[in-house]
Amino acid sequence: QVVVTSPGAAPPAVGGDLEGLGIRRCTSDDWAEATRNLERDMDTEQTYTFCFWGASRFIDLLGDRLVNLIPMFPSISLRSNILGPWPPHFVLYALDRDRGDGGDVSSGARDKELSSSAAPSRHPERSKRYLVDLMICTERSAEVSELFQRYVFRDGVMGTG
């Protein structure tokens, strides 16, 4: 959901009711076109409120459970039933349109694929620009030897190594 507030007007309250405000992917007939227009018209005068909705109402990370999936159904343990010893891993990335997928898809077809209202069929690693990469590790994460073969972990402040 994206809400654009004109200069001088009060933006919506964080945590307030956003029903009926701005554009929403689930209710927009052409989300891709609406976001292209938003990107084209973006300026430093208006206030932009971005809302990221997902499965958060069903996930209790601190309690390690999936909840409220089905009314009157008990919660489900993430570690015991779904993830096993693997830690939860959340990423948010943008696809770089200038980096191709290496296939034989023409540039025009690839642009159409990336800008269509349907999700792109492939998200090759070389086309991703990570904005957030969060893995929630616990003592149990050390049980997964593949974890340390697949990922490089670094301590420190971003940019310092």
N, C-alpha and C. Protein backbone atom coordinates (compact mmCIF):
# COMPACT_ATOMS: atom_id res chain seq x y z
N GLN A 1 0.85 -1.16 0.00
CA GLN A 1 0.00 0.00 0.00
C GLN A 1 0.89 1.23 0.00
N VAL A 2 0.53 2.21 -0.79
CA VAL A 2 1.27 3.47 -0.85
C VAL A 2 0.26 4.61 -0.73
N VAL A 3 0.52 5.50 0.24
CA VAL A 3 -0.34 6.66 0.44
C VAL A 3 0.49 7.90 0.17
N VAL A 4 0.02 8.76 -0.73
CA VAL A 4 0.71 10.01 -1.05
C VAL A 4 -0.07 11.15 -0.40
N THR A 5 0.64 11.96 0.40
CA THR A 5 0.02 13.08 1.10
C THR A 5 0.57 14.38 0.54
N SER A 6 -0.33 15.28 0.16
CA SER A 6 0.05 16.57 -0.41
C SER A 6 0.73 17.45 0.63
N PRO A 7 1.58 18.39 0.17
CA PRO A 7 2.24 19.31 1.11
C PRO A 7 1.20 20.06 1.95
N GLY A 8 1.46 20.18 3.24
CA GLY A 8 0.56 20.90 4.14
C GLY A 8 -0.51 20.02 4.76
N ALA A 9 -0.81 18.87 4.15
CA ALA A 9 -1.81 17.96 4.71
C ALA A 9 -1.13 17.01 5.68
N ALA A 10 -1.88 16.50 6.64
CA ALA A 10 -1.31 15.58 7.63
C ALA A 10 -1.27 14.16 7.06
N PRO A 11 -0.11 13.52 7.09
CA PRO A 11 -0.03 12.13 6.62
C PRO A 11 -0.79 11.22 7.58
N PRO A 12 -1.14 10.02 7.13
CA PRO A 12 -1.87 9.11 8.03
C PRO A 12 -1.02 8.75 9.24
N ALA A 13 -1.68 8.49 10.34
CA ALA A 13 -0.98 8.12 11.57
C ALA A 13 -0.38 6.73 11.42
N VAL A 14 0.86 6.57 11.86
CA VAL A 14 1.48 5.25 11.86
C VAL A 14 0.69 4.40 12.84
N GLY A 15 0.22 3.28 12.40
CA GLY A 15 -0.60 2.42 13.24
C GLY A 15 -2.07 2.79 13.19
N GLY A 16 -2.42 3.82 12.43
CA GLY A 16 -3.82 4.23 12.31
C GLY A 16 -4.54 3.42 11.25
N ASP A 17 -5.80 3.73 11.04
CA ASP A 17 -6.60 3.04 10.05
C ASP A 17 -6.26 3.57 8.66
N LEU A 18 -5.77 2.71 7.79
CA LEU A 18 -5.38 3.10 6.43
C LEU A 18 -6.38 2.61 5.39
N GLU A 19 -7.49 2.08 5.84
CA GLU A 19 -8.49 1.54 4.93
C GLU A 19 -8.96 2.61 3.95
N GLY A 20 -8.92 2.30 2.66
CA GLY A 20 -9.39 3.21 1.63
C GLY A 20 -8.40 4.29 1.24
N LEU A 21 -7.21 4.31 1.83
CA LEU A 21 -6.22 5.34 1.50
C LEU A 21 -5.22 4.82 0.48
N GLY A 22 -4.81 5.67 -0.45
CA GLY A 22 -3.75 5.34 -1.40
C GLY A 22 -4.10 4.19 -2.32
N ILE A 23 -3.05 3.55 -2.83
CA ILE A 23 -3.23 2.41 -3.71
C ILE A 23 -2.75 1.15 -3.00
N ARG A 24 -3.46 0.06 -3.24
CA ARG A 24 -3.10 -1.23 -2.64
C ARG A 24 -2.99 -2.24 -3.76
N ARG A 25 -1.99 -3.10 -3.65
CA ARG A 25 -1.77 -4.11 -4.67
C ARG A 25 -2.98 -5.03 -4.81
N CYS A 26 -3.59 -5.39 -3.71
CA CYS A 26 -4.69 -6.35 -3.77
C CYS A 26 -5.98 -5.75 -4.32
N THR A 27 -6.10 -4.42 -4.38
CA THR A 27 -7.32 -3.81 -4.89
C THR A 27 -7.10 -3.00 -6.16
N SER A 28 -5.87 -2.86 -6.58
CA SER A 28 -5.56 -2.08 -7.78
C SER A 28 -5.71 -2.95 -9.03
N ASP A 29 -6.43 -2.42 -10.01
CA ASP A 29 -6.59 -3.16 -11.26
C ASP A 29 -5.27 -3.29 -12.01
N ASP A 30 -4.43 -2.27 -11.91
CA ASP A 30 -3.14 -2.32 -12.59
C ASP A 30 -2.07 -1.75 -11.67
N TRP A 31 -1.64 -2.57 -10.72
CA TRP A 31 -0.63 -2.18 -9.73
C TRP A 31 0.66 -1.73 -10.40
N ALA A 32 1.10 -2.46 -11.41
CA ALA A 32 2.37 -2.12 -12.08
C ALA A 32 2.31 -0.72 -12.68
N GLU A 33 1.23 -0.40 -13.36
CA GLU A 33 1.08 0.92 -13.97
C GLU A 33 1.00 2.01 -12.89
N ALA A 34 0.27 1.73 -11.83
CA ALA A 34 0.13 2.71 -10.74
C ALA A 34 1.47 2.99 -10.08
N THR A 35 2.28 1.96 -9.87
CA THR A 35 3.59 2.19 -9.23
C THR A 35 4.57 2.86 -10.19
N ARG A 36 4.46 2.57 -11.50
CA ARG A 36 5.31 3.29 -12.47
C ARG A 36 4.97 4.78 -12.46
N ASN A 37 3.68 5.11 -12.42
CA ASN A 37 3.26 6.52 -12.35
C ASN A 37 3.74 7.17 -11.07
N LEU A 38 3.65 6.45 -9.97
CA LEU A 38 4.12 6.96 -8.69
C LEU A 38 5.61 7.26 -8.74
N GLU A 39 6.38 6.33 -9.29
CA GLU A 39 7.83 6.52 -9.41
C GLU A 39 8.14 7.72 -10.29
N ARG A 40 7.44 7.86 -11.40
CA ARG A 40 7.66 8.96 -12.33
C ARG A 40 7.34 10.32 -11.70
N ASP A 41 6.28 10.36 -10.89
CA ASP A 41 5.81 11.63 -10.32
C ASP A 41 6.37 11.93 -8.93
N MET A 42 7.22 11.05 -8.40
CA MET A 42 7.73 11.23 -7.04
C MET A 42 8.55 12.51 -6.93
N ASP A 43 8.33 13.25 -5.84
CA ASP A 43 9.07 14.49 -5.62
C ASP A 43 9.41 14.62 -4.14
N THR A 44 10.05 15.72 -3.79
CA THR A 44 10.45 15.94 -2.39
C THR A 44 9.45 16.80 -1.63
N GLU A 45 8.35 17.17 -2.24
CA GLU A 45 7.35 18.00 -1.60
C GLU A 45 6.27 17.18 -0.89
N GLN A 46 5.88 16.07 -1.48
CA GLN A 46 4.83 15.24 -0.92
C GLN A 46 5.41 14.26 0.11
N THR A 47 4.55 13.72 0.96
CA THR A 47 4.95 12.71 1.92
C THR A 47 4.44 11.37 1.42
N TYR A 48 5.32 10.36 1.45
CA TYR A 48 4.98 9.03 0.96
C TYR A 48 4.98 8.05 2.13
N THR A 49 3.87 7.36 2.31
CA THR A 49 3.73 6.34 3.35
C THR A 49 3.67 4.99 2.66
N PHE A 50 4.64 4.14 2.95
CA PHE A 50 4.70 2.81 2.35
C PHE A 50 4.33 1.78 3.41
N CYS A 51 3.42 0.91 3.08
CA CYS A 51 2.99 -0.15 4.00
C CYS A 51 3.29 -1.50 3.35
N PHE A 52 3.95 -2.34 4.09
CA PHE A 52 4.28 -3.68 3.60
C PHE A 52 3.43 -4.68 4.38
N TRP A 53 2.47 -5.28 3.70
CA TRP A 53 1.59 -6.25 4.33
C TRP A 53 2.04 -7.64 3.93
N GLY A 54 1.86 -8.54 4.79
CA GLY A 54 2.22 -9.92 4.49
C GLY A 54 1.56 -10.86 5.46
N ALA A 55 2.28 -11.86 5.81
CA ALA A 55 1.74 -12.89 6.69
C ALA A 55 1.98 -12.58 8.15
N SER A 56 2.35 -11.34 8.48
CA SER A 56 2.74 -11.02 9.85
C SER A 56 1.66 -11.31 10.89
N ARG A 57 0.41 -11.22 10.52
CA ARG A 57 -0.64 -11.50 11.51
C ARG A 57 -0.74 -12.98 11.84
N PHE A 58 -0.07 -13.81 11.07
CA PHE A 58 -0.10 -15.25 11.31
C PHE A 58 1.20 -15.78 11.91
N ILE A 59 2.22 -14.92 12.06
CA ILE A 59 3.52 -15.39 12.53
C ILE A 59 3.86 -14.72 13.85
N ASP A 60 4.16 -15.54 14.86
CA ASP A 60 4.63 -15.07 16.15
C ASP A 60 6.09 -15.52 16.26
N LEU A 61 7.02 -14.63 15.86
CA LEU A 61 8.44 -15.00 15.86
C LEU A 61 8.96 -15.26 17.27
N LEU A 62 8.56 -14.43 18.22
CA LEU A 62 9.05 -14.63 19.58
C LEU A 62 8.53 -15.94 20.17
N GLY A 63 7.29 -16.29 19.85
CA GLY A 63 6.72 -17.53 20.34
C GLY A 63 7.02 -18.72 19.45
N ASP A 64 7.69 -18.48 18.30
CA ASP A 64 8.09 -19.54 17.38
C ASP A 64 6.87 -20.33 16.90
N ARG A 65 5.81 -19.62 16.49
CA ARG A 65 4.58 -20.29 16.13
C ARG A 65 3.87 -19.62 14.96
N LEU A 66 3.12 -20.41 14.21
CA LEU A 66 2.13 -19.90 13.27
C LEU A 66 0.81 -19.89 14.03
N VAL A 67 0.11 -18.77 13.99
CA VAL A 67 -1.12 -18.62 14.78
C VAL A 67 -2.27 -18.15 13.91
N ASN A 68 -3.48 -18.45 14.34
CA ASN A 68 -4.72 -17.97 13.70
C ASN A 68 -4.84 -18.34 12.23
N LEU A 69 -4.23 -19.45 11.83
CA LEU A 69 -4.36 -19.87 10.43
C LEU A 69 -5.79 -20.30 10.12
N ILE A 70 -6.35 -21.06 11.03
CA ILE A 70 -7.72 -21.53 10.91
C ILE A 70 -8.38 -21.29 12.26
N PRO A 71 -9.56 -20.65 12.28
CA PRO A 71 -10.22 -20.41 13.57
C PRO A 71 -10.40 -21.71 14.36
N MET A 72 -10.14 -21.63 15.64
CA MET A 72 -10.28 -22.76 16.57
C MET A 72 -9.23 -23.85 16.35
N PHE A 73 -8.23 -23.60 15.51
CA PHE A 73 -7.17 -24.58 15.24
C PHE A 73 -5.95 -24.19 16.08
N PRO A 74 -5.27 -25.15 16.69
CA PRO A 74 -4.12 -24.79 17.52
C PRO A 74 -2.98 -24.20 16.69
N SER A 75 -2.13 -23.44 17.35
CA SER A 75 -0.97 -22.87 16.67
C SER A 75 0.00 -23.98 16.29
N ILE A 76 0.89 -23.68 15.35
CA ILE A 76 1.85 -24.66 14.84
C ILE A 76 3.26 -24.14 15.10
N SER A 77 4.10 -24.98 15.65
CA SER A 77 5.49 -24.60 15.91
C SER A 77 6.25 -24.46 14.60
N LEU A 78 6.95 -23.34 14.43
CA LEU A 78 7.76 -23.14 13.22
C LEU A 78 8.94 -24.11 13.20
N ARG A 79 9.67 -24.19 14.31
CA ARG A 79 10.87 -25.03 14.36
C ARG A 79 10.54 -26.51 14.27
N SER A 80 9.54 -26.95 15.01
CA SER A 80 9.24 -28.38 15.06
C SER A 80 8.59 -28.88 13.77
N ASN A 81 7.71 -28.09 13.18
CA ASN A 81 6.91 -28.58 12.06
C ASN A 81 7.30 -28.06 10.69
N ILE A 82 8.00 -26.94 10.63
CA ILE A 82 8.24 -26.32 9.32
C ILE A 82 9.73 -26.11 9.04
N LEU A 83 10.40 -25.35 9.88
CA LEU A 83 11.79 -24.98 9.61
C LEU A 83 12.81 -26.00 10.08
N GLY A 84 12.44 -26.80 11.07
CA GLY A 84 13.44 -27.67 11.68
C GLY A 84 14.47 -26.79 12.36
N PRO A 85 15.74 -27.16 12.32
CA PRO A 85 16.76 -26.34 12.97
C PRO A 85 17.14 -25.09 12.18
N TRP A 86 16.69 -24.97 10.92
CA TRP A 86 17.04 -23.79 10.11
C TRP A 86 16.44 -22.53 10.73
N PRO A 87 17.20 -21.44 10.77
CA PRO A 87 16.67 -20.20 11.33
C PRO A 87 15.74 -19.49 10.34
N PRO A 88 14.76 -18.73 10.86
CA PRO A 88 13.93 -17.93 9.95
C PRO A 88 14.82 -16.94 9.20
N HIS A 89 14.56 -16.76 7.93
CA HIS A 89 15.38 -15.89 7.08
C HIS A 89 14.44 -15.02 6.24
N PHE A 90 14.54 -13.71 6.41
CA PHE A 90 13.68 -12.77 5.72
C PHE A 90 14.53 -11.86 4.85
N VAL A 91 14.09 -11.66 3.60
CA VAL A 91 14.81 -10.76 2.70
C VAL A 91 13.81 -9.84 2.01
N LEU A 92 14.28 -8.67 1.66
CA LEU A 92 13.54 -7.72 0.84
C LEU A 92 14.54 -7.23 -0.19
N TYR A 93 14.21 -7.39 -1.46
CA TYR A 93 15.13 -6.98 -2.50
C TYR A 93 14.38 -6.34 -3.67
N ALA A 94 15.11 -5.57 -4.45
CA ALA A 94 14.60 -4.98 -5.68
C ALA A 94 15.24 -5.72 -6.83
N LEU A 95 14.49 -5.91 -7.91
CA LEU A 95 15.04 -6.53 -9.10
C LEU A 95 15.62 -5.45 -9.99
N ASP A 96 16.84 -5.63 -10.41
CA ASP A 96 17.54 -4.68 -11.28
C ASP A 96 17.20 -5.01 -12.72
N ARG A 97 16.47 -4.14 -13.38
CA ARG A 97 16.03 -4.39 -14.76
C ARG A 97 17.19 -4.40 -15.75
N ASP A 98 18.32 -3.79 -15.38
CA ASP A 98 19.45 -3.72 -16.30
C ASP A 98 20.25 -5.01 -16.34
N ARG A 99 20.05 -5.87 -15.38
CA ARG A 99 20.77 -7.15 -15.35
C ARG A 99 19.83 -8.22 -15.85
N GLY A 100 20.22 -8.86 -16.94
CA GLY A 100 19.36 -9.89 -17.52
C GLY A 100 19.43 -11.18 -16.76
N ASP A 101 18.59 -12.12 -17.18
CA ASP A 101 18.58 -13.42 -16.53
C ASP A 101 19.50 -14.41 -17.22
N GLY A 102 20.21 -13.95 -18.26
CA GLY A 102 21.17 -14.81 -18.93
C GLY A 102 20.53 -15.72 -19.95
N GLY A 103 19.21 -15.69 -20.07
CA GLY A 103 18.53 -16.57 -21.02
C GLY A 103 18.43 -15.93 -22.38
N ASP A 104 17.62 -16.53 -23.24
CA ASP A 104 17.49 -16.02 -24.60
C ASP A 104 16.28 -15.11 -24.74
N VAL A 105 15.79 -14.56 -23.64
CA VAL A 105 14.66 -13.66 -23.68
C VAL A 105 15.14 -12.31 -24.17
N SER A 106 14.44 -11.72 -25.12
CA SER A 106 14.85 -10.41 -25.63
C SER A 106 14.66 -9.35 -24.56
N SER A 107 15.36 -8.24 -24.72
CA SER A 107 15.29 -7.17 -23.74
C SER A 107 13.86 -6.67 -23.56
N GLY A 108 13.14 -6.48 -24.65
CA GLY A 108 11.75 -6.01 -24.57
C GLY A 108 10.86 -6.98 -23.83
N ALA A 109 11.02 -8.27 -24.10
CA ALA A 109 10.21 -9.28 -23.41
C ALA A 109 10.56 -9.33 -21.93
N ARG A 110 11.84 -9.16 -21.62
CA ARG A 110 12.27 -9.20 -20.23
C ARG A 110 11.68 -8.00 -19.49
N ASP A 111 11.69 -6.80 -20.11
CA ASP A 111 11.10 -5.63 -19.46
C ASP A 111 9.61 -5.84 -19.23
N LYS A 112 8.93 -6.46 -20.22
CA LYS A 112 7.52 -6.73 -20.07
C LYS A 112 7.30 -7.70 -18.92
N GLU A 113 8.16 -8.73 -18.83
CA GLU A 113 8.03 -9.72 -17.76
C GLU A 113 8.21 -9.07 -16.40
N LEU A 114 9.20 -8.19 -16.25
CA LEU A 114 9.49 -7.57 -14.97
C LEU A 114 8.46 -6.53 -14.58
N SER A 115 7.77 -5.95 -15.56
CA SER A 115 6.84 -4.88 -15.23
C SER A 115 5.38 -5.34 -15.27
N SER A 116 5.14 -6.59 -15.61
CA SER A 116 3.76 -7.06 -15.67
C SER A 116 3.18 -7.15 -14.27
N SER A 117 1.85 -7.21 -14.19
CA SER A 117 1.22 -7.29 -12.88
C SER A 117 1.46 -8.65 -12.24
N ALA A 118 1.78 -9.66 -13.04
CA ALA A 118 2.12 -10.97 -12.48
C ALA A 118 3.58 -10.94 -12.05
N ALA A 119 3.91 -11.76 -11.08
CA ALA A 119 5.29 -11.81 -10.59
C ALA A 119 6.21 -12.37 -11.67
N PRO A 120 7.45 -11.87 -11.75
CA PRO A 120 8.40 -12.44 -12.71
C PRO A 120 8.59 -13.92 -12.44
N SER A 121 8.87 -14.66 -13.51
CA SER A 121 8.99 -16.11 -13.35
C SER A 121 10.32 -16.49 -12.70
N ARG A 122 11.33 -15.63 -12.81
CA ARG A 122 12.64 -15.94 -12.24
C ARG A 122 13.20 -14.71 -11.55
N HIS A 123 13.90 -14.95 -10.47
CA HIS A 123 14.60 -13.88 -9.76
C HIS A 123 16.05 -14.32 -9.57
N PRO A 124 16.86 -14.28 -10.66
CA PRO A 124 18.25 -14.72 -10.51
C PRO A 124 19.01 -13.83 -9.54
N GLU A 125 19.94 -14.44 -8.84
CA GLU A 125 20.70 -13.74 -7.79
C GLU A 125 21.36 -12.48 -8.34
N ARG A 126 21.89 -12.54 -9.56
CA ARG A 126 22.60 -11.38 -10.11
C ARG A 126 21.66 -10.19 -10.38
N SER A 127 20.34 -10.42 -10.40
CA SER A 127 19.39 -9.34 -10.63
C SER A 127 18.84 -8.74 -9.35
N LYS A 128 19.26 -9.27 -8.20
CA LYS A 128 18.74 -8.80 -6.93
C LYS A 128 19.64 -7.74 -6.31
N ARG A 129 19.02 -6.69 -5.77
CA ARG A 129 19.71 -5.69 -4.97
C ARG A 129 19.05 -5.73 -3.60
N TYR A 130 19.75 -6.32 -2.63
CA TYR A 130 19.17 -6.55 -1.31
C TYR A 130 19.02 -5.25 -0.54
N LEU A 131 17.84 -5.05 0.03
CA LEU A 131 17.55 -3.91 0.89
C LEU A 131 17.57 -4.35 2.36
N VAL A 132 17.06 -5.55 2.61
CA VAL A 132 17.05 -6.14 3.95
C VAL A 132 17.37 -7.62 3.81
N ASP A 133 18.24 -8.11 4.67
CA ASP A 133 18.57 -9.54 4.72
C ASP A 133 18.73 -9.89 6.19
N LEU A 134 17.71 -10.49 6.77
CA LEU A 134 17.66 -10.73 8.21
C LEU A 134 17.49 -12.22 8.48
N MET A 135 18.43 -12.79 9.22
CA MET A 135 18.34 -14.17 9.65
C MET A 135 18.36 -14.17 11.17
N ILE A 136 17.37 -14.83 11.76
CA ILE A 136 17.25 -14.85 13.22
C ILE A 136 17.83 -16.16 13.72
N CYS A 137 19.07 -16.10 14.19
CA CYS A 137 19.79 -17.30 14.63
C CYS A 137 19.68 -17.48 16.13
N THR A 138 19.67 -18.73 16.54
CA THR A 138 19.68 -19.10 17.95
C THR A 138 20.77 -20.14 18.14
N GLU A 139 20.88 -20.66 19.34
CA GLU A 139 21.87 -21.71 19.60
C GLU A 139 21.63 -22.92 18.71
N ARG A 140 20.36 -23.20 18.40
CA ARG A 140 20.02 -24.35 17.55
C ARG A 140 20.54 -24.18 16.11
N SER A 141 20.79 -22.95 15.70
CA SER A 141 21.26 -22.72 14.33
C SER A 141 22.60 -23.38 14.08
N ALA A 142 23.41 -23.54 15.12
CA ALA A 142 24.72 -24.17 14.98
C ALA A 142 24.60 -25.65 14.59
N GLU A 143 23.41 -26.24 14.78
CA GLU A 143 23.18 -27.64 14.40
C GLU A 143 23.16 -27.83 12.89
N VAL A 144 22.98 -26.76 12.15
CA VAL A 144 22.84 -26.85 10.69
C VAL A 144 24.18 -26.53 10.05
N SER A 145 24.96 -27.58 9.77
CA SER A 145 26.29 -27.35 9.20
C SER A 145 26.21 -26.69 7.83
N GLU A 146 25.17 -26.99 7.06
CA GLU A 146 25.00 -26.40 5.73
C GLU A 146 24.82 -24.89 5.79
N LEU A 147 24.30 -24.39 6.92
CA LEU A 147 24.08 -22.96 7.08
C LEU A 147 25.37 -22.18 6.90
N PHE A 148 26.46 -22.69 7.46
CA PHE A 148 27.74 -21.99 7.41
C PHE A 148 28.49 -22.24 6.10
N GLN A 149 28.02 -23.20 5.33
CA GLN A 149 28.58 -23.42 4.00
C GLN A 149 27.87 -22.54 2.98
N ARG A 150 26.60 -22.25 3.24
CA ARG A 150 25.78 -21.48 2.30
C ARG A 150 25.92 -19.98 2.49
N TYR A 151 26.13 -19.52 3.73
CA TYR A 151 26.14 -18.09 4.03
C TYR A 151 27.46 -17.67 4.66
N VAL A 152 27.82 -16.40 4.42
CA VAL A 152 28.99 -15.80 5.06
C VAL A 152 28.45 -14.83 6.10
N PHE A 153 28.81 -15.04 7.36
CA PHE A 153 28.35 -14.19 8.46
C PHE A 153 29.47 -13.24 8.85
N ARG A 154 29.11 -11.98 9.07
CA ARG A 154 30.07 -10.97 9.47
C ARG A 154 29.54 -10.22 10.67
N ASP A 155 30.43 -9.87 11.58
CA ASP A 155 30.07 -9.02 12.71
C ASP A 155 30.49 -7.60 12.37
N GLY A 156 29.87 -6.65 13.03
CA GLY A 156 30.30 -5.27 12.86
C GLY A 156 29.24 -4.41 12.22
N VAL A 157 29.55 -3.13 12.15
CA VAL A 157 28.67 -2.14 11.57
C VAL A 157 28.78 -2.20 10.06
N MET A 158 27.67 -2.00 9.37
CA MET A 158 27.66 -2.06 7.92
C MET A 158 28.74 -1.15 7.34
N GLY A 159 29.49 -1.68 6.41
CA GLY A 159 30.53 -0.92 5.75
C GLY A 159 31.89 -1.03 6.41
N THR A 160 31.94 -1.68 7.58
CA THR A 160 33.23 -1.80 8.26
C THR A 160 33.80 -3.21 8.16
N GLY A 161 33.08 -4.10 7.49
CA GLY A 161 33.65 -5.42 7.24
C GLY A 161 33.13 -6.46 8.11
